[in-house]
Amino acid sequence: MSRPRVRVPRKIKKGDTVTIKTLIAHKMETGVRRNKKTGKLIPRKIINGFEAKIDGKTVFKASLHPAVSANPYISFAISPEKSGKIDFVWTEDGGKTFTKSAKFTVA
């Protein structure tokens, strides 16, 4: 089960740069391990993309690969000019997406 978590300051002082922190609980199965009972390869299933948008505009984007550890943690900095909502989207192999949103106020 994949559970996204984010940490976004609720209030941001105008002109300040803040760090956004994200983590998603995900096994990040690489496709090279074998099932101990059957000996068959466990299919690859990783989070391969991450995107953060403020009011629909992309502010951070990343491509992830099998070498990324389980439960990927991503942090990045933003300096928003106005209050808004930040949407986070993690994309898994096969196209499944996981989303989380947070609102913030710039004062």
N, C-alpha and C. Protein backbone atom coordinates (compact mmCIF):
# COMPACT_ATOMS: atom_id res chain seq x y z
N MET A 1 0.84 -1.19 0.00
CA MET A 1 0.00 0.00 0.00
C MET A 1 0.88 1.24 0.00
N SER A 2 0.55 2.20 -0.82
CA SER A 2 1.32 3.44 -0.91
C SER A 2 0.58 4.56 -0.22
N ARG A 3 1.27 5.19 0.73
CA ARG A 3 0.68 6.29 1.47
C ARG A 3 1.60 7.51 1.35
N PRO A 4 1.15 8.56 0.67
CA PRO A 4 1.97 9.76 0.58
C PRO A 4 1.82 10.63 1.82
N ARG A 5 2.94 11.24 2.22
CA ARG A 5 2.93 12.22 3.31
C ARG A 5 3.70 13.45 2.84
N VAL A 6 3.22 14.62 3.23
CA VAL A 6 3.89 15.87 2.85
C VAL A 6 3.99 16.79 4.05
N ARG A 7 5.00 17.63 4.03
CA ARG A 7 5.14 18.66 5.06
C ARG A 7 5.31 20.00 4.34
N VAL A 8 4.28 20.83 4.45
CA VAL A 8 4.26 22.15 3.82
C VAL A 8 3.91 23.16 4.91
N PRO A 9 4.72 24.21 5.08
CA PRO A 9 4.36 25.23 6.08
C PRO A 9 3.02 25.86 5.73
N ARG A 10 2.17 26.04 6.72
CA ARG A 10 0.85 26.66 6.45
C ARG A 10 0.99 28.15 6.17
N LYS A 11 1.94 28.79 6.85
CA LYS A 11 2.17 30.22 6.64
C LYS A 11 3.60 30.43 6.17
N ILE A 12 3.72 31.22 5.10
CA ILE A 12 5.03 31.52 4.53
C ILE A 12 5.15 33.03 4.43
N LYS A 13 6.26 33.56 4.93
CA LYS A 13 6.50 35.00 4.84
C LYS A 13 6.89 35.35 3.40
N LYS A 14 6.28 36.41 2.87
CA LYS A 14 6.54 36.82 1.49
C LYS A 14 8.04 37.03 1.29
N GLY A 15 8.58 36.41 0.24
CA GLY A 15 10.00 36.52 -0.08
C GLY A 15 10.85 35.42 0.52
N ASP A 16 10.28 34.65 1.45
CA ASP A 16 11.04 33.55 2.07
C ASP A 16 11.05 32.32 1.16
N THR A 17 12.11 31.56 1.28
CA THR A 17 12.20 30.26 0.62
C THR A 17 11.98 29.20 1.69
N VAL A 18 11.10 28.25 1.39
CA VAL A 18 10.79 27.19 2.35
C VAL A 18 11.07 25.83 1.72
N THR A 19 11.36 24.87 2.57
CA THR A 19 11.61 23.51 2.11
C THR A 19 10.34 22.68 2.24
N ILE A 20 9.98 22.04 1.16
CA ILE A 20 8.84 21.13 1.12
C ILE A 20 9.40 19.72 1.25
N LYS A 21 8.80 18.90 2.10
CA LYS A 21 9.27 17.54 2.31
C LYS A 21 8.15 16.56 1.98
N THR A 22 8.51 15.51 1.23
CA THR A 22 7.53 14.49 0.87
C THR A 22 8.11 13.10 1.10
N LEU A 23 7.23 12.17 1.38
CA LEU A 23 7.62 10.77 1.54
C LEU A 23 6.43 9.92 1.13
N ILE A 24 6.70 8.87 0.39
CA ILE A 24 5.61 7.94 0.06
C ILE A 24 6.04 6.53 0.48
N ALA A 25 5.17 5.87 1.21
CA ALA A 25 5.43 4.50 1.64
C ALA A 25 5.20 3.59 0.43
N HIS A 26 6.28 3.04 -0.09
CA HIS A 26 6.20 2.21 -1.30
C HIS A 26 7.38 1.25 -1.33
N LYS A 27 7.15 -0.02 -1.67
CA LYS A 27 8.23 -1.02 -1.67
C LYS A 27 9.29 -0.79 -2.72
N MET A 28 8.94 -0.15 -3.84
CA MET A 28 9.88 0.08 -4.94
C MET A 28 10.51 -1.24 -5.39
N GLU A 29 9.68 -2.18 -5.80
CA GLU A 29 10.14 -3.49 -6.26
C GLU A 29 10.87 -3.34 -7.59
N THR A 30 12.14 -3.74 -7.64
CA THR A 30 13.01 -3.50 -8.80
C THR A 30 12.80 -4.46 -9.96
N GLY A 31 12.21 -5.61 -9.72
CA GLY A 31 12.02 -6.59 -10.78
C GLY A 31 13.17 -7.57 -10.91
N VAL A 32 14.15 -7.52 -10.01
CA VAL A 32 15.28 -8.45 -10.07
C VAL A 32 15.27 -9.46 -8.91
N ARG A 33 14.41 -9.25 -7.94
CA ARG A 33 14.31 -10.22 -6.83
C ARG A 33 13.40 -11.37 -7.22
N ARG A 34 13.62 -12.50 -6.58
CA ARG A 34 12.79 -13.68 -6.84
C ARG A 34 11.95 -14.01 -5.61
N ASN A 35 10.77 -14.54 -5.87
CA ASN A 35 9.90 -15.03 -4.81
C ASN A 35 10.58 -16.24 -4.20
N LYS A 36 10.77 -16.25 -2.89
CA LYS A 36 11.50 -17.33 -2.22
C LYS A 36 10.80 -18.69 -2.36
N LYS A 37 9.48 -18.68 -2.42
CA LYS A 37 8.74 -19.94 -2.50
C LYS A 37 8.68 -20.49 -3.92
N THR A 38 8.44 -19.62 -4.90
CA THR A 38 8.25 -20.09 -6.28
C THR A 38 9.49 -19.97 -7.15
N GLY A 39 10.42 -19.09 -6.77
CA GLY A 39 11.61 -18.87 -7.58
C GLY A 39 11.38 -17.94 -8.76
N LYS A 40 10.14 -17.49 -8.94
CA LYS A 40 9.82 -16.60 -10.06
C LYS A 40 10.19 -15.17 -9.72
N LEU A 41 10.54 -14.40 -10.77
CA LEU A 41 10.85 -13.00 -10.57
C LEU A 41 9.62 -12.24 -10.09
N ILE A 42 9.83 -11.35 -9.14
CA ILE A 42 8.77 -10.47 -8.67
C ILE A 42 8.73 -9.30 -9.65
N PRO A 43 7.58 -9.02 -10.26
CA PRO A 43 7.51 -7.96 -11.28
C PRO A 43 7.94 -6.59 -10.73
N ARG A 44 8.57 -5.81 -11.61
CA ARG A 44 8.99 -4.46 -11.25
C ARG A 44 7.75 -3.61 -11.00
N LYS A 45 7.79 -2.85 -9.92
CA LYS A 45 6.74 -1.88 -9.61
C LYS A 45 7.37 -0.80 -8.76
N ILE A 46 7.72 0.31 -9.43
CA ILE A 46 8.36 1.41 -8.72
C ILE A 46 7.59 2.70 -8.96
N ILE A 47 7.82 3.65 -8.09
CA ILE A 47 7.38 5.02 -8.34
C ILE A 47 8.40 5.57 -9.33
N ASN A 48 7.96 5.92 -10.55
CA ASN A 48 8.91 6.37 -11.55
C ASN A 48 8.83 7.87 -11.84
N GLY A 49 7.85 8.54 -11.26
CA GLY A 49 7.73 9.97 -11.49
C GLY A 49 7.12 10.69 -10.30
N PHE A 50 7.53 11.93 -10.13
CA PHE A 50 6.99 12.78 -9.06
C PHE A 50 6.85 14.19 -9.63
N GLU A 51 5.75 14.85 -9.30
CA GLU A 51 5.54 16.22 -9.76
C GLU A 51 4.80 17.01 -8.69
N ALA A 52 5.22 18.25 -8.51
CA ALA A 52 4.54 19.17 -7.59
C ALA A 52 4.09 20.39 -8.39
N LYS A 53 2.83 20.77 -8.19
CA LYS A 53 2.26 21.92 -8.91
C LYS A 53 1.62 22.87 -7.92
N ILE A 54 1.86 24.14 -8.12
CA ILE A 54 1.16 25.18 -7.35
C ILE A 54 0.14 25.81 -8.28
N ASP A 55 -1.11 25.68 -7.89
CA ASP A 55 -2.22 26.21 -8.69
C ASP A 55 -2.10 25.82 -10.16
N GLY A 56 -1.73 24.55 -10.41
CA GLY A 56 -1.65 24.02 -11.76
C GLY A 56 -0.33 24.22 -12.48
N LYS A 57 0.60 24.99 -11.92
CA LYS A 57 1.89 25.25 -12.55
C LYS A 57 2.97 24.37 -11.90
N THR A 58 3.68 23.60 -12.72
CA THR A 58 4.72 22.72 -12.20
C THR A 58 5.85 23.53 -11.57
N VAL A 59 6.17 23.19 -10.31
CA VAL A 59 7.28 23.86 -9.62
C VAL A 59 8.43 22.91 -9.33
N PHE A 60 8.17 21.59 -9.44
CA PHE A 60 9.22 20.59 -9.24
C PHE A 60 8.78 19.30 -9.91
N LYS A 61 9.74 18.65 -10.58
CA LYS A 61 9.44 17.40 -11.27
C LYS A 61 10.68 16.51 -11.18
N ALA A 62 10.46 15.20 -10.98
CA ALA A 62 11.59 14.27 -10.89
C ALA A 62 11.22 12.93 -11.52
N SER A 63 12.22 12.31 -12.13
CA SER A 63 12.10 10.94 -12.62
C SER A 63 12.86 10.04 -11.66
N LEU A 64 12.24 8.94 -11.26
CA LEU A 64 12.87 8.01 -10.33
C LEU A 64 13.16 6.70 -11.05
N HIS A 65 14.17 5.97 -10.58
CA HIS A 65 14.63 4.76 -11.23
C HIS A 65 14.76 3.64 -10.20
N PRO A 66 14.97 2.38 -10.64
CA PRO A 66 15.01 1.26 -9.70
C PRO A 66 16.02 1.40 -8.57
N ALA A 67 17.07 2.18 -8.74
CA ALA A 67 18.07 2.32 -7.69
C ALA A 67 17.59 3.16 -6.50
N VAL A 68 16.44 3.82 -6.63
CA VAL A 68 15.89 4.61 -5.53
C VAL A 68 15.36 3.65 -4.46
N SER A 69 15.65 3.96 -3.22
CA SER A 69 15.27 3.07 -2.12
C SER A 69 13.75 3.03 -1.92
N ALA A 70 13.33 2.05 -1.16
CA ALA A 70 11.92 1.97 -0.78
C ALA A 70 11.55 3.22 0.00
N ASN A 71 10.29 3.58 -0.04
CA ASN A 71 9.76 4.75 0.67
C ASN A 71 10.51 6.03 0.29
N PRO A 72 10.48 6.38 -1.01
CA PRO A 72 11.27 7.53 -1.45
C PRO A 72 10.89 8.84 -0.76
N TYR A 73 11.93 9.53 -0.31
CA TYR A 73 11.82 10.84 0.34
C TYR A 73 12.33 11.87 -0.64
N ILE A 74 11.55 12.91 -0.87
CA ILE A 74 11.95 13.98 -1.78
C ILE A 74 11.72 15.31 -1.07
N SER A 75 12.72 16.18 -1.12
CA SER A 75 12.54 17.53 -0.59
C SER A 75 13.02 18.53 -1.64
N PHE A 76 12.40 19.68 -1.64
CA PHE A 76 12.76 20.74 -2.58
C PHE A 76 12.33 22.07 -1.99
N ALA A 77 12.88 23.14 -2.53
CA ALA A 77 12.60 24.49 -2.01
C ALA A 77 11.69 25.25 -2.97
N ILE A 78 10.81 26.06 -2.39
CA ILE A 78 9.97 26.95 -3.18
C ILE A 78 9.96 28.33 -2.52
N SER A 79 9.63 29.32 -3.31
CA SER A 79 9.49 30.69 -2.81
C SER A 79 8.23 31.28 -3.46
N PRO A 80 7.06 30.90 -2.95
CA PRO A 80 5.81 31.35 -3.59
C PRO A 80 5.56 32.84 -3.37
N GLU A 81 4.95 33.45 -4.36
CA GLU A 81 4.65 34.88 -4.29
C GLU A 81 3.25 35.16 -3.75
N LYS A 82 2.38 34.14 -3.81
CA LYS A 82 1.01 34.33 -3.31
C LYS A 82 0.50 33.04 -2.70
N SER A 83 -0.56 33.15 -1.92
CA SER A 83 -1.17 31.98 -1.29
C SER A 83 -1.72 31.05 -2.35
N GLY A 84 -1.82 29.78 -1.99
CA GLY A 84 -2.36 28.83 -2.96
C GLY A 84 -2.40 27.42 -2.43
N LYS A 85 -2.49 26.50 -3.37
CA LYS A 85 -2.56 25.07 -3.06
C LYS A 85 -1.47 24.37 -3.85
N ILE A 86 -0.77 23.46 -3.19
CA ILE A 86 0.25 22.68 -3.86
C ILE A 86 -0.24 21.24 -3.96
N ASP A 87 -0.21 20.71 -5.18
CA ASP A 87 -0.64 19.34 -5.45
C ASP A 87 0.58 18.49 -5.75
N PHE A 88 0.62 17.31 -5.16
CA PHE A 88 1.72 16.36 -5.34
C PHE A 88 1.17 15.13 -6.05
N VAL A 89 1.91 14.63 -7.05
CA VAL A 89 1.50 13.43 -7.77
C VAL A 89 2.70 12.51 -7.93
N TRP A 90 2.55 11.28 -7.43
CA TRP A 90 3.54 10.23 -7.61
C TRP A 90 2.97 9.27 -8.64
N THR A 91 3.76 8.87 -9.64
CA THR A 91 3.29 7.96 -10.68
C THR A 91 4.07 6.65 -10.59
N GLU A 92 3.33 5.55 -10.59
CA GLU A 92 3.90 4.22 -10.47
C GLU A 92 3.95 3.55 -11.85
N ASP A 93 4.82 2.56 -12.02
CA ASP A 93 4.82 1.76 -13.25
C ASP A 93 3.38 1.32 -13.54
N GLY A 94 2.99 1.38 -14.79
CA GLY A 94 1.62 1.01 -15.15
C GLY A 94 0.67 2.19 -15.15
N GLY A 95 1.13 3.36 -14.66
CA GLY A 95 0.33 4.57 -14.73
C GLY A 95 -0.49 4.91 -13.50
N LYS A 96 -0.52 4.04 -12.50
CA LYS A 96 -1.28 4.35 -11.28
C LYS A 96 -0.66 5.58 -10.61
N THR A 97 -1.52 6.46 -10.11
CA THR A 97 -1.03 7.67 -9.44
C THR A 97 -1.51 7.75 -8.00
N PHE A 98 -0.72 8.43 -7.19
CA PHE A 98 -1.04 8.70 -5.79
C PHE A 98 -0.93 10.20 -5.62
N THR A 99 -1.92 10.82 -4.97
CA THR A 99 -1.94 12.27 -4.86
C THR A 99 -2.11 12.73 -3.42
N LYS A 100 -1.66 13.94 -3.19
CA LYS A 100 -1.81 14.60 -1.90
C LYS A 100 -1.79 16.11 -2.19
N SER A 101 -2.51 16.89 -1.42
CA SER A 101 -2.54 18.34 -1.60
C SER A 101 -2.40 19.04 -0.26
N ALA A 102 -1.93 20.27 -0.32
CA ALA A 102 -1.80 21.09 0.90
C ALA A 102 -1.97 22.56 0.51
N LYS A 103 -2.62 23.31 1.39
CA LYS A 103 -2.79 24.74 1.19
C LYS A 103 -1.78 25.50 2.03
N PHE A 104 -1.40 26.68 1.56
CA PHE A 104 -0.48 27.54 2.31
C PHE A 104 -0.89 29.00 2.09
N THR A 105 -0.50 29.83 3.04
CA THR A 105 -0.80 31.26 2.99
C THR A 105 0.50 32.04 2.97
N VAL A 106 0.61 32.97 2.03
CA VAL A 106 1.77 33.86 1.97
C VAL A 106 1.34 35.21 2.53
N ALA A 107 2.07 35.64 3.54
CA ALA A 107 1.71 36.92 4.19
C ALA A 107 2.93 37.82 4.29
